[in-house]
Every structure is written in C-alpha cells, then in structure tokens.
C-alpha cells in the first residue's frame, strides 16, 4: 500500500512477478498510469504499469526490456465499493482465475485447444489482480458507443462456444470437480454476485431509476407505425419492470440449472471483449474475454442474451439472429467433439433445440441487463462515474446508485429491443 493506504504495485513486487517466469530479466524502473477511461470500468480501478530494465541473452550480452502489466484494485471510495458490491465481485474473479480457469484449461491437453482467450495472470488475491497487458500484443476494445458488428459478433460467439464447451465437458467427465467449483461454500467455487435474493433491497432504488428511464425511452421512442399498440407494449414492459418482481425474475433466470448449465462469463458486453485484427502467429486467439467478476453458474444462454441483446443493434438481430445462433451451435458441437473425441457425439438437432429453448427463456434476462448496459455503453465518457475520483460528495453518492439517464441512441436501441422481445412473446 502507498502512504494513503491504497494498494499499488511496488518495484520489488513487479520484479518478483516477472522474474518468476523470466529469471534472466532485471527490472530497474516502473511507470504507472490509469488503465481505463471513464465509462470503461465500474466495479474496480485499473492501472497500467510499464516495467523497464534489461534482459540477458548471452553470458555477456544484455538487451533493453519492457513489459506492461495491468493491475486491478478495489475503488478507493468506500461508497463506490458498497454501491457496486465490489468486494464480492473481486472475490469472485479471484476464485475464477485461481481455481475455475485452471480446471477448465487442463482439459485442453494433447492439442485439444478450443479456447485460450483468458489473459495470463501474474497474481490474484483478495485485494489485487495483476495480468498481462494484452494491448502489447495488439488486442483492443471495440468502440462501446458503436456496439459490435457482424464479424465481431461471430468471433465472440465462436470464443464463447469454446469456453462453454469446456464447462460442459468438465461437467460430463469430472462431475465431482464441476460440483466443487460451483459450490462457493467450499472456498474455491464461484457464485452469483449480483442477482441474489439478499441484494434485492440494496439494488431496489438503482433498478427503480433504471426501469423508469427505460419506460420513458420506449414511450418517447415508439415508432409511429406501432402507435396503435402503445397500450399493450407499455403494459407488458411495465409488468416486466415492476419493482416487486423484476429483481426476483432476474435472480430466478440467473440461478436456474439445466442441461446447458456452464460457467458463464457473466458480463459479456463490449468493454469486456478484446479483439485483434492482424494475427501474427498461427492459431493465435482472436478474442480475449476479460473481467470475470460477474462469472456465474447458469445457462450458457445468459451469456448469449447478454451479448446479442446488449451489444448488437436491432437491425443486425433482425437480419442475422438465426445465422448467429447457428454459428455458435456449430462451434459448440465442434469444440465438444475436440475435447472428448472418444465419446459418441451429442445429437446436433437435440442441442439445437435445447439452445433455442434456453434462448427463449433467457431473452428476458438480456432485456434486464440492457437497463444497465445500454445507458452505460452509449453515454459520453464525461457522463460516466469516475472511479479514480477520491472525493465523495453528495452528488457522487447519488451517481453511484443510478445509471446514466440514456440519450437518443440509447432510446432507439432500447425501443428496438423491447419491440423485438414482445414480438417474440418473451415479454
């Protein structure tokens, strides 16, 4: 910790992290800067450390060496930590990196690689997570305000198919290990961090504001040709967003177990997905998933609903939804066969029906997440909370407990989504 009690990386600690993997490196200096901008991250604070020094290549030859590390700590403001339940989220991510991901990755031996889009982790403990800076390898976020285009969506769906296939394979081949990693009481498992019964009263005001914002946006943004159905549309939306049942509905959707239960990423939106457009190595991963704080045990359709309903436009879904789900299904079946080739392959038609059934059930979950994600993803950066601010004024405390209001683009996306789900009988 520094003099003000904030967790930070010291030169000695960084030396220890790097030389554990590269003993022929000497680190002599560090430079630090914020690792994300306003609106890019809400539940923790990110910093980028540039370590500089030298690397020994022969007995008497050294070359300059640089390595960037991203590290994540809890918000300095206790108000923000409480508002975003940051301690539990941090604990969840540590459990994922320390126990869950190593168990999943072990299934990928003997060339059976289906997903490697998780950053190298240098340290994961209750107050700090340090990982490689993927930006150094050319990975970057898409523009959160533009959402994901068709090509990017396909890349993410292929990555998710591999990631989910690991869970399904672990569950089938090592059921006791899967059970241990899905039990938070055992000290190694992940748990639902947001939609849990005891959080209902805590988040009531937050989702009350978010729901009212959504109702206003849809009411104002309803296209003229749907005006004759205004009463029906608003009635169905208000019924879903009712203060007394919304959070319980989301909790039930998040916790329901079934044949497609997996370890979900849990927060699969634009800012937690990194892309690389110019590949430099054969078989290099093209998508990395970051920020596993909201990882949960639930239907794989929860991740798909998050991605497709919160990161894609209504135009893309109308034209390509079936194609996108078929793309995911193809890679899921392929990944399952790669991981467990000795077992008889699962019936693709049965899996396709299960997938569509889960998507119908979980589409409301995507709408619930959109209350939060669409205003955040479309707002200007200066409208977003700044976790690097140290003051705790009354205004900031109010901001911490309410999402951005949502502008014209947010209203368009929200209205498209609500009309689509009503048309599909999901709301």
Protein backbone atom coordinates (compact mmCIF):
# COMPACT_ATOMS: atom_id res chain seq x y z
CA UNK A 1 0.00 0.00 0.00
CA UNK A 2 1.07 3.59 -0.56
CA UNK A 3 1.11 6.31 2.10
CA UNK A 4 -2.62 6.90 1.69
CA UNK A 5 -3.48 3.21 2.16
CA UNK A 6 -4.18 2.40 -1.49
CA UNK A 7 -3.00 -0.90 -2.92
CA UNK A 8 -0.33 -0.42 -5.60
CA UNK A 9 2.44 -2.37 -7.28
CA UNK A 10 5.94 -1.76 -5.96
CA UNK A 11 9.14 -2.16 -7.93
CA UNK A 12 10.13 -5.16 -5.80
CA UNK A 13 6.76 -6.86 -6.27
CA UNK A 14 6.87 -6.39 -10.06
CA UNK A 15 10.41 -7.77 -10.13
CA UNK A 16 9.17 -10.84 -8.31
CA UNK A 17 6.21 -11.33 -10.66
CA UNK A 18 8.27 -11.07 -13.84
CA UNK A 19 11.40 -12.94 -12.82
CA UNK A 20 9.29 -15.90 -11.68
CA UNK A 21 8.68 -16.52 -15.42
CA UNK A 22 11.78 -14.83 -16.83
CA UNK A 23 14.73 -15.26 -14.44
CA UNK A 24 17.14 -13.63 -16.92
CA UNK A 25 15.41 -10.23 -16.61
CA UNK A 26 16.36 -7.31 -14.35
CA UNK A 27 13.68 -4.64 -13.72
CA UNK A 28 15.03 -1.21 -12.80
CA UNK A 29 12.04 1.18 -13.04
CA UNK A 30 8.25 1.45 -13.19
CA UNK A 31 5.88 3.94 -14.81
CA UNK A 32 2.18 3.91 -13.89
CA UNK A 33 -0.99 5.36 -15.43
CA UNK A 34 -4.76 4.69 -15.25
CA UNK A 35 -5.57 1.57 -17.27
CA UNK A 36 -9.07 2.58 -18.40
CA UNK A 37 -11.09 5.69 -19.10
CA UNK A 38 -14.34 6.91 -17.63
CA UNK A 39 -17.21 4.68 -18.63
CA UNK A 40 -14.92 1.73 -19.33
CA UNK A 41 -14.99 0.11 -15.90
CA UNK A 42 -17.30 0.48 -12.91
CA UNK A 43 -16.61 -2.01 -10.16
CA UNK A 44 -12.84 -1.74 -9.79
CA UNK A 45 -9.93 0.51 -10.73
CA UNK A 46 -7.44 -0.45 -13.44
CA UNK A 47 -3.84 0.73 -13.70
CA UNK A 48 -1.15 0.05 -16.28
CA UNK A 49 2.43 -0.39 -15.10
CA UNK A 50 5.29 -0.24 -17.61
CA UNK A 51 8.26 -2.16 -16.20
CA UNK A 52 11.63 -1.31 -17.74
CA UNK A 53 15.02 -2.94 -17.41
CA UNK A 54 17.26 -5.33 -19.27
CA UNK A 55 17.29 -8.96 -20.36
CA UNK A 56 20.33 -11.23 -20.55
CA UNK A 57 20.56 -13.06 -23.88
CA UNK A 58 24.12 -14.47 -23.51
CA UNK A 59 26.68 -14.53 -20.70
CA UNK A 60 27.90 -11.06 -21.53
CA UNK A 61 25.13 -9.56 -23.66
CA UNK A 62 22.07 -7.69 -22.40
CA UNK A 63 19.24 -6.02 -24.32
CA UNK A 64 16.63 -3.46 -23.27
CA UNK A 65 13.47 -4.99 -21.83
CA UNK A 66 9.95 -3.63 -21.29
CA UNK A 67 6.82 -5.36 -20.03
CA UNK A 68 3.39 -3.85 -19.36
CA UNK A 69 1.18 -5.23 -16.60
CA UNK A 70 -2.44 -4.31 -15.95
CA UNK A 71 -3.50 -4.46 -12.33
CA UNK A 72 -6.89 -4.13 -10.77
CA UNK A 73 -7.76 -2.97 -7.26
CA UNK A 74 -10.95 -2.05 -5.42
CA UNK A 75 -12.28 1.52 -5.77
CA UNK A 76 -10.67 3.88 -3.28
CA UNK A 77 -14.08 5.26 -2.29
CA UNK A 78 -15.90 3.07 0.24
CA UNK A 79 -19.18 4.50 -1.06
CA UNK A 80 -18.40 3.17 -4.54
CA UNK A 81 -17.24 -0.19 -3.20
CA UNK A 82 -20.55 -0.58 -1.39
CA UNK A 83 -22.63 0.74 -4.30
CA UNK A 84 -21.14 -1.76 -6.74
CA UNK A 85 -20.64 -4.63 -4.23
CA UNK A 86 -17.02 -4.56 -5.30
CA UNK A 87 -15.60 -6.83 -2.56
CA UNK A 88 -17.80 -9.80 -3.54
CA UNK A 89 -17.15 -9.22 -7.24
CA UNK A 90 -13.40 -9.11 -6.63
CA UNK A 91 -13.55 -12.31 -4.58
CA UNK A 92 -15.48 -13.99 -7.40
CA UNK A 93 -12.89 -13.06 -10.01
CA UNK A 94 -10.05 -14.30 -7.83
CA UNK A 95 -11.86 -17.66 -7.48
CA UNK A 96 -12.29 -17.85 -11.26
CA UNK A 97 -8.62 -17.18 -12.04
CA UNK A 98 -7.27 -19.29 -9.17
CA UNK A 99 -9.48 -22.39 -9.37
CA UNK A 100 -12.07 -22.43 -12.18
CA UNK A 101 -9.98 -21.43 -15.20
CA UNK A 102 -7.05 -23.76 -14.35
CA UNK A 103 -9.51 -26.69 -14.10
CA UNK A 104 -11.07 -25.83 -17.46
CA UNK A 105 -7.74 -25.23 -19.16
CA UNK A 106 -6.46 -28.65 -18.05
CA UNK A 107 -8.99 -30.23 -20.41
CA UNK A 108 -7.09 -28.78 -23.37
CA UNK A 109 -4.11 -31.16 -23.38
CA UNK A 110 -2.72 -33.04 -26.39
CA UNK A 111 -3.66 -30.36 -28.87
CA UNK A 112 -7.33 -30.24 -27.84
CA UNK A 113 -7.39 -26.45 -27.74
CA UNK A 114 -10.82 -24.85 -28.14
CA UNK A 115 -10.46 -21.60 -26.17
CA UNK A 116 -7.46 -19.75 -24.82
CA UNK A 117 -8.86 -16.24 -24.59
CA UNK A 118 -8.01 -15.60 -20.93
CA UNK A 119 -5.10 -13.30 -20.14
CA UNK A 120 -2.00 -14.55 -18.33
CA UNK A 121 -2.49 -13.88 -14.61
CA UNK A 122 0.56 -12.87 -12.58
CA UNK A 123 -1.23 -12.59 -9.23
CA UNK A 124 -4.83 -12.98 -7.99
CA UNK A 125 -5.56 -12.24 -4.38
CA UNK A 126 -8.33 -10.62 -2.37
CA UNK A 127 -7.10 -7.02 -2.90
CA UNK A 128 -5.23 -7.17 -6.22
CA UNK A 129 -5.29 -8.90 -9.61
CA UNK A 130 -2.30 -8.45 -11.93
CA UNK A 131 -2.34 -9.68 -15.53
CA UNK A 132 -0.59 -9.26 -18.85
CA UNK A 133 -1.42 -6.14 -20.84
CA UNK A 134 -2.99 -7.59 -23.98
CA UNK A 135 -2.68 -4.21 -25.67
CA UNK A 136 1.02 -5.01 -26.11
CA UNK A 137 0.03 -7.86 -28.41
CA UNK A 138 -2.32 -5.70 -30.44
CA UNK A 139 -5.62 -6.52 -28.68
CA UNK A 140 -8.07 -3.70 -28.12
CA UNK A 141 -11.69 -2.97 -27.28
CA UNK A 142 -14.25 -2.13 -29.89
CA UNK A 143 -15.90 1.29 -29.57
CA UNK A 144 -18.51 0.78 -26.84
CA UNK A 145 -20.71 3.51 -28.33
CA UNK A 146 -20.88 1.78 -31.74
CA UNK A 147 -21.53 -1.73 -30.42
CA UNK A 148 -20.34 -4.89 -32.19
CA UNK A 149 -20.70 -5.50 -35.91
CA UNK A 150 -21.48 -8.87 -37.50
CA UNK A 151 -17.87 -10.03 -37.91
CA UNK A 152 -17.01 -9.20 -34.30
CA UNK A 153 -20.17 -10.92 -33.03
CA UNK A 154 -19.23 -14.10 -34.90
CA UNK A 155 -15.75 -14.05 -33.41
CA UNK A 156 -17.12 -13.66 -29.89
CA UNK A 157 -19.72 -16.40 -30.40
CA UNK A 158 -17.01 -18.81 -31.57
CA UNK A 159 -14.93 -17.95 -28.49
CA UNK A 160 -17.94 -18.38 -26.18
CA UNK A 161 -18.72 -21.74 -27.80
CA UNK A 162 -15.24 -22.99 -26.91
CA UNK A 163 -15.41 -21.50 -23.41
CA UNK A 164 -18.83 -23.05 -22.71
CA UNK A 165 -17.77 -26.40 -24.21
CA UNK A 166 -15.04 -26.62 -21.56
CA UNK A 167 -17.67 -26.39 -18.81
CA UNK A 168 -19.97 -28.95 -20.42
CA UNK A 169 -17.02 -31.33 -20.84
CA UNK A 170 -15.84 -30.87 -17.24
CA UNK A 171 -19.37 -31.46 -16.00
CA UNK A 172 -19.65 -34.68 -18.04
CA UNK A 173 -16.17 -36.12 -17.48
CA UNK A 174 -15.34 -34.84 -13.98
CA UNK A 175 -18.70 -34.19 -12.28
CA UNK A 176 -17.25 -34.05 -8.76
CA UNK A 177 -14.77 -31.36 -9.77
CA UNK A 178 -17.51 -29.39 -11.53
CA UNK A 179 -19.65 -29.61 -8.38
CA UNK A 180 -16.76 -28.41 -6.18
CA UNK A 181 -16.11 -25.39 -8.41
CA UNK A 182 -19.79 -24.44 -8.45
CA UNK A 183 -20.06 -24.53 -4.65
CA UNK A 184 -18.99 -21.16 -3.19
CA UNK A 185 -19.09 -22.57 0.34
CA UNK A 186 -16.10 -24.80 -0.36
CA UNK A 187 -13.76 -21.84 -0.79
CA UNK A 188 -12.94 -22.48 -4.45
CA UNK A 189 -16.24 -22.07 -6.28
CA UNK A 190 -17.70 -19.00 -7.94
CA UNK A 191 -21.10 -17.62 -7.00
CA UNK A 192 -23.80 -15.29 -8.27
CA UNK A 193 -22.60 -11.86 -7.21
CA UNK A 194 -25.39 -9.59 -8.43
CA UNK A 195 -28.79 -11.26 -8.81
CA UNK A 196 -29.10 -12.88 -5.39
CA UNK A 197 -32.06 -12.61 -3.06
CA UNK A 198 -30.25 -10.67 -0.33
CA UNK A 199 -29.32 -7.92 -2.84
CA UNK A 200 -32.92 -7.10 -3.77
CA UNK A 201 -33.46 -4.25 -1.32
CA UNK A 202 -29.94 -2.90 -1.87
CA UNK A 203 -30.47 -2.53 -5.63
CA UNK A 204 -34.15 -1.57 -5.48
CA UNK A 205 -33.55 2.17 -5.96
CA UNK A 206 -30.92 1.59 -8.66
CA UNK A 207 -33.22 -0.58 -10.77
CA UNK A 208 -36.21 1.65 -10.00
CA UNK A 209 -34.36 4.53 -11.67
CA UNK A 210 -33.09 2.29 -14.49
CA UNK A 211 -36.59 0.90 -15.13
CA UNK A 212 -38.20 4.34 -15.19
CA UNK A 213 -35.51 5.51 -17.63
CA UNK A 214 -36.29 2.55 -19.91
CA UNK A 215 -40.05 3.11 -19.72
CA UNK A 216 -39.56 6.79 -20.61
CA UNK A 217 -37.26 5.96 -23.53
CA UNK A 218 -39.60 3.37 -25.02
CA UNK A 219 -42.65 5.58 -24.56
CA UNK A 220 -40.92 8.52 -26.26
CA UNK A 221 -39.24 6.40 -28.92
CA UNK A 222 -42.19 4.28 -30.04
CA UNK A 223 -42.33 4.50 -33.87
CA UNK A 224 -45.50 5.88 -35.45
CA UNK A 225 -46.49 2.58 -37.05
CA UNK A 226 -46.61 0.95 -33.58
CA UNK A 227 -48.70 3.70 -32.00
CA UNK A 228 -51.86 1.56 -32.24
CA UNK A 229 -50.19 -0.98 -29.91
CA UNK A 230 -48.86 1.57 -27.41
CA UNK A 231 -51.06 0.41 -24.53
CA UNK A 232 -50.16 -3.28 -24.98
CA UNK A 233 -46.42 -2.55 -25.35
CA UNK A 234 -46.16 -0.27 -22.34
CA UNK A 235 -48.29 -2.59 -20.21
CA UNK A 236 -46.03 -5.58 -20.94
CA UNK A 237 -42.85 -3.59 -20.36
CA UNK A 238 -44.13 -2.16 -17.07
CA UNK A 239 -45.23 -5.62 -15.93
CA UNK A 240 -41.69 -6.99 -16.51
CA UNK A 241 -40.08 -3.98 -14.79
CA UNK A 242 -42.44 -3.93 -11.80
CA UNK A 243 -40.47 -3.07 -8.67
CA UNK A 244 -41.83 -6.05 -6.77
CA UNK A 245 -40.95 -8.76 -9.28
CA UNK A 246 -38.14 -7.56 -11.59
CA UNK A 247 -35.17 -8.45 -9.38
CA UNK A 248 -36.72 -11.79 -8.38
CA UNK A 249 -37.29 -12.64 -12.06
CA UNK A 250 -33.64 -11.88 -12.88
CA UNK A 251 -32.49 -13.90 -9.85
CA UNK A 252 -34.54 -16.89 -10.94
CA UNK A 253 -33.28 -16.70 -14.54
CA UNK A 254 -29.67 -16.43 -13.37
CA UNK A 255 -29.86 -19.40 -11.00
CA UNK A 256 -31.96 -21.94 -12.93
CA UNK A 257 -29.94 -25.11 -13.64
CA UNK A 258 -30.39 -27.39 -16.64
CA UNK A 259 -28.60 -29.46 -19.29
CA UNK A 260 -26.78 -26.38 -20.64
CA UNK A 261 -25.52 -25.12 -17.27
CA UNK A 262 -21.93 -23.83 -17.54
CA UNK A 263 -19.51 -21.37 -16.02
CA UNK A 264 -20.75 -18.16 -17.65
CA UNK A 265 -18.53 -15.15 -18.22
CA UNK A 266 -21.40 -13.19 -16.69
CA UNK A 267 -20.64 -9.72 -18.07
CA UNK A 268 -20.30 -10.29 -21.79
CA UNK A 269 -20.51 -6.75 -23.15
CA UNK A 270 -18.33 -4.71 -25.48
CA UNK A 271 -15.85 -3.40 -22.92
CA UNK A 272 -15.01 -6.89 -21.64
CA UNK A 273 -14.06 -8.26 -25.07
CA UNK A 274 -10.71 -7.59 -26.74
CA UNK A 275 -10.11 -8.13 -30.46
CA UNK A 276 -7.05 -8.45 -32.64
CA UNK A 277 -7.48 -7.78 -36.34
CA UNK A 278 -3.98 -8.57 -37.62
CA UNK A 279 -2.84 -12.01 -36.47
CA UNK A 280 0.93 -12.55 -36.25
CA UNK A 281 1.13 -16.16 -35.04
CA UNK A 282 -0.55 -19.33 -36.35
CA UNK A 283 -3.54 -20.46 -34.29
CA UNK A 284 -3.44 -17.21 -32.32
CA UNK A 285 -6.57 -16.41 -30.32
CA UNK A 286 -8.55 -13.61 -31.99
CA UNK A 287 -10.77 -12.78 -29.00
CA UNK A 288 -9.93 -12.39 -25.32
CA UNK A 289 -12.54 -12.15 -22.57
CA UNK A 290 -11.62 -10.00 -19.60
CA UNK A 291 -13.25 -9.09 -16.28
CA UNK A 292 -14.70 -12.29 -14.81
CA UNK A 293 -16.07 -10.56 -11.70
CA UNK A 294 -19.67 -11.44 -12.56
CA UNK A 295 -18.89 -15.02 -13.58
CA UNK A 296 -21.77 -17.25 -12.57
CA UNK A 297 -23.04 -20.81 -12.84
CA UNK A 298 -26.06 -20.81 -15.13
CA UNK A 299 -27.39 -21.39 -18.62
CA UNK A 300 -24.98 -20.64 -21.44
CA UNK A 301 -27.86 -18.65 -22.97
CA UNK A 302 -27.33 -15.99 -20.26
CA UNK A 303 -24.02 -15.05 -21.91
CA UNK A 304 -25.57 -15.17 -25.38
CA UNK A 305 -28.50 -12.97 -24.36
CA UNK A 306 -26.07 -10.51 -22.77
CA UNK A 307 -24.00 -10.31 -25.96
CA UNK A 308 -26.76 -10.32 -28.58
CA UNK A 309 -29.31 -8.11 -26.82
CA UNK A 310 -26.92 -5.56 -25.30
CA UNK A 311 -24.08 -5.31 -27.85
CA UNK A 312 -25.83 -5.72 -31.22
CA UNK A 313 -28.35 -3.45 -32.90
CA UNK A 314 -31.90 -4.46 -33.68
CA UNK A 315 -31.04 -4.28 -37.39
CA UNK A 316 -28.31 -6.90 -37.00
CA UNK A 317 -30.55 -9.21 -34.95
CA UNK A 318 -33.44 -8.95 -37.42
CA UNK A 319 -31.21 -9.85 -40.35
CA UNK A 320 -28.82 -12.35 -38.74
CA UNK A 321 -30.10 -13.75 -35.41
CA UNK A 322 -30.68 -17.30 -36.66
CA UNK A 323 -27.38 -17.28 -38.53
CA UNK A 324 -25.53 -16.10 -35.40
CA UNK A 325 -27.06 -18.83 -33.23
CA UNK A 326 -26.25 -21.43 -35.89
CA UNK A 327 -22.65 -20.17 -35.93
CA UNK A 328 -22.44 -20.58 -32.15
CA UNK A 329 -24.09 -24.03 -32.28
CA UNK A 330 -21.67 -25.26 -34.97
CA UNK A 331 -18.61 -24.25 -32.94
CA UNK A 332 -20.09 -25.60 -29.70
CA UNK A 333 -20.61 -29.03 -31.28
CA UNK A 334 -17.14 -28.93 -32.86
CA UNK A 335 -15.50 -27.94 -29.56
CA UNK A 336 -17.31 -30.68 -27.62
CA UNK A 337 -16.06 -33.29 -30.09
CA UNK A 338 -12.49 -31.92 -29.95
CA UNK A 339 -12.43 -32.07 -26.15
CA UNK A 340 -13.97 -35.53 -25.80
CA UNK A 341 -13.46 -37.41 -29.10
CA UNK A 342 -13.88 -40.88 -27.59
CA UNK A 343 -17.45 -40.22 -26.51
CA UNK A 344 -20.32 -40.61 -29.00
CA UNK A 345 -21.11 -37.12 -30.33
CA UNK A 346 -24.17 -35.36 -28.95
CA UNK A 347 -27.10 -35.17 -31.35
CA UNK A 348 -26.78 -31.74 -33.05
CA UNK A 349 -30.55 -31.43 -33.54
CA UNK A 350 -31.20 -32.08 -29.84
CA UNK A 351 -28.57 -29.50 -28.86
CA UNK A 352 -30.04 -27.01 -31.34
CA UNK A 353 -33.50 -27.40 -29.82
CA UNK A 354 -32.08 -27.04 -26.29
CA UNK A 355 -30.20 -23.91 -27.34
CA UNK A 356 -33.29 -22.29 -28.83
CA UNK A 357 -35.38 -23.24 -25.80
CA UNK A 358 -32.83 -21.63 -23.48
CA UNK A 359 -32.61 -18.52 -25.65
CA UNK A 360 -36.39 -18.12 -25.48
CA UNK A 361 -36.30 -18.48 -21.70
CA UNK A 362 -33.29 -16.21 -21.13
CA UNK A 363 -34.09 -13.42 -23.59
CA UNK A 364 -35.80 -11.51 -20.75
CA UNK A 365 -32.51 -11.67 -18.88
CA UNK A 366 -30.88 -9.81 -21.76
CA UNK A 367 -33.59 -7.16 -21.54
CA UNK A 368 -32.96 -6.81 -17.80
CA UNK A 369 -29.22 -6.36 -18.34
CA UNK A 370 -29.93 -3.79 -21.07
CA UNK A 371 -31.41 -1.43 -18.43
CA UNK A 372 -27.86 -1.02 -17.20
CA UNK A 373 -25.64 -1.74 -20.19
CA UNK A 374 -27.32 0.32 -22.92
CA UNK A 375 -27.16 3.64 -20.98
CA UNK A 376 -23.55 2.91 -19.96
CA UNK A 377 -22.44 1.86 -23.43
CA UNK A 378 -23.99 4.84 -25.22
CA UNK A 379 -23.21 7.66 -22.78
CA UNK A 380 -20.44 10.18 -23.31
CA UNK A 381 -17.34 9.43 -21.24
CA UNK A 382 -17.75 12.60 -19.18
CA UNK A 383 -21.25 11.44 -18.15
CA UNK A 384 -19.88 8.24 -16.63
CA UNK A 385 -18.82 7.80 -12.98
CA UNK A 386 -15.10 8.34 -12.42
CA UNK A 387 -13.74 5.67 -10.07
CA UNK A 388 -10.40 7.49 -9.85
CA UNK A 389 -12.00 10.44 -8.07
CA UNK A 390 -11.25 10.36 -4.37
CA UNK A 391 -13.88 12.79 -3.13
CA UNK A 392 -17.29 11.54 -2.00
CA UNK A 393 -19.66 14.45 -2.48
CA UNK A 394 -23.40 14.02 -2.16
CA UNK A 395 -23.71 14.29 -5.95
CA UNK A 396 -21.19 11.46 -6.45
CA UNK A 397 -23.02 9.26 -3.98
CA UNK A 398 -26.19 9.74 -5.98
CA UNK A 399 -24.37 8.92 -9.24
CA UNK A 400 -23.02 5.71 -7.73
CA UNK A 401 -26.55 4.44 -7.15
CA UNK A 402 -28.09 5.30 -10.54
CA UNK A 403 -27.22 4.51 -14.16
CA UNK A 404 -26.85 7.27 -16.79
CA UNK A 405 -30.21 8.58 -17.99
CA UNK A 406 -29.82 7.48 -21.63
CA UNK A 407 -29.93 9.64 -24.73
CA UNK A 408 -31.42 9.31 -28.22
CA UNK A 409 -29.26 6.38 -29.37
CA UNK A 410 -29.94 4.51 -26.13
CA UNK A 411 -33.69 5.11 -26.60
CA UNK A 412 -33.54 3.72 -30.14
CA UNK A 413 -31.69 0.57 -29.03
CA UNK A 414 -33.96 0.06 -26.02
CA UNK A 415 -37.14 0.51 -28.05
CA UNK A 416 -35.93 -1.90 -30.75
CA UNK A 417 -35.12 -4.49 -28.09
CA UNK A 418 -38.45 -4.22 -26.27
CA UNK A 419 -40.47 -4.42 -29.51
CA UNK A 420 -38.44 -7.46 -30.62
CA UNK A 421 -38.98 -9.35 -27.38
CA UNK A 422 -42.68 -8.56 -27.32
CA UNK A 423 -42.95 -9.77 -30.92
CA UNK A 424 -41.15 -13.00 -29.86
CA UNK A 425 -43.52 -13.41 -26.87
CA UNK A 426 -40.61 -13.07 -24.44
CA UNK A 427 -42.14 -10.10 -22.63
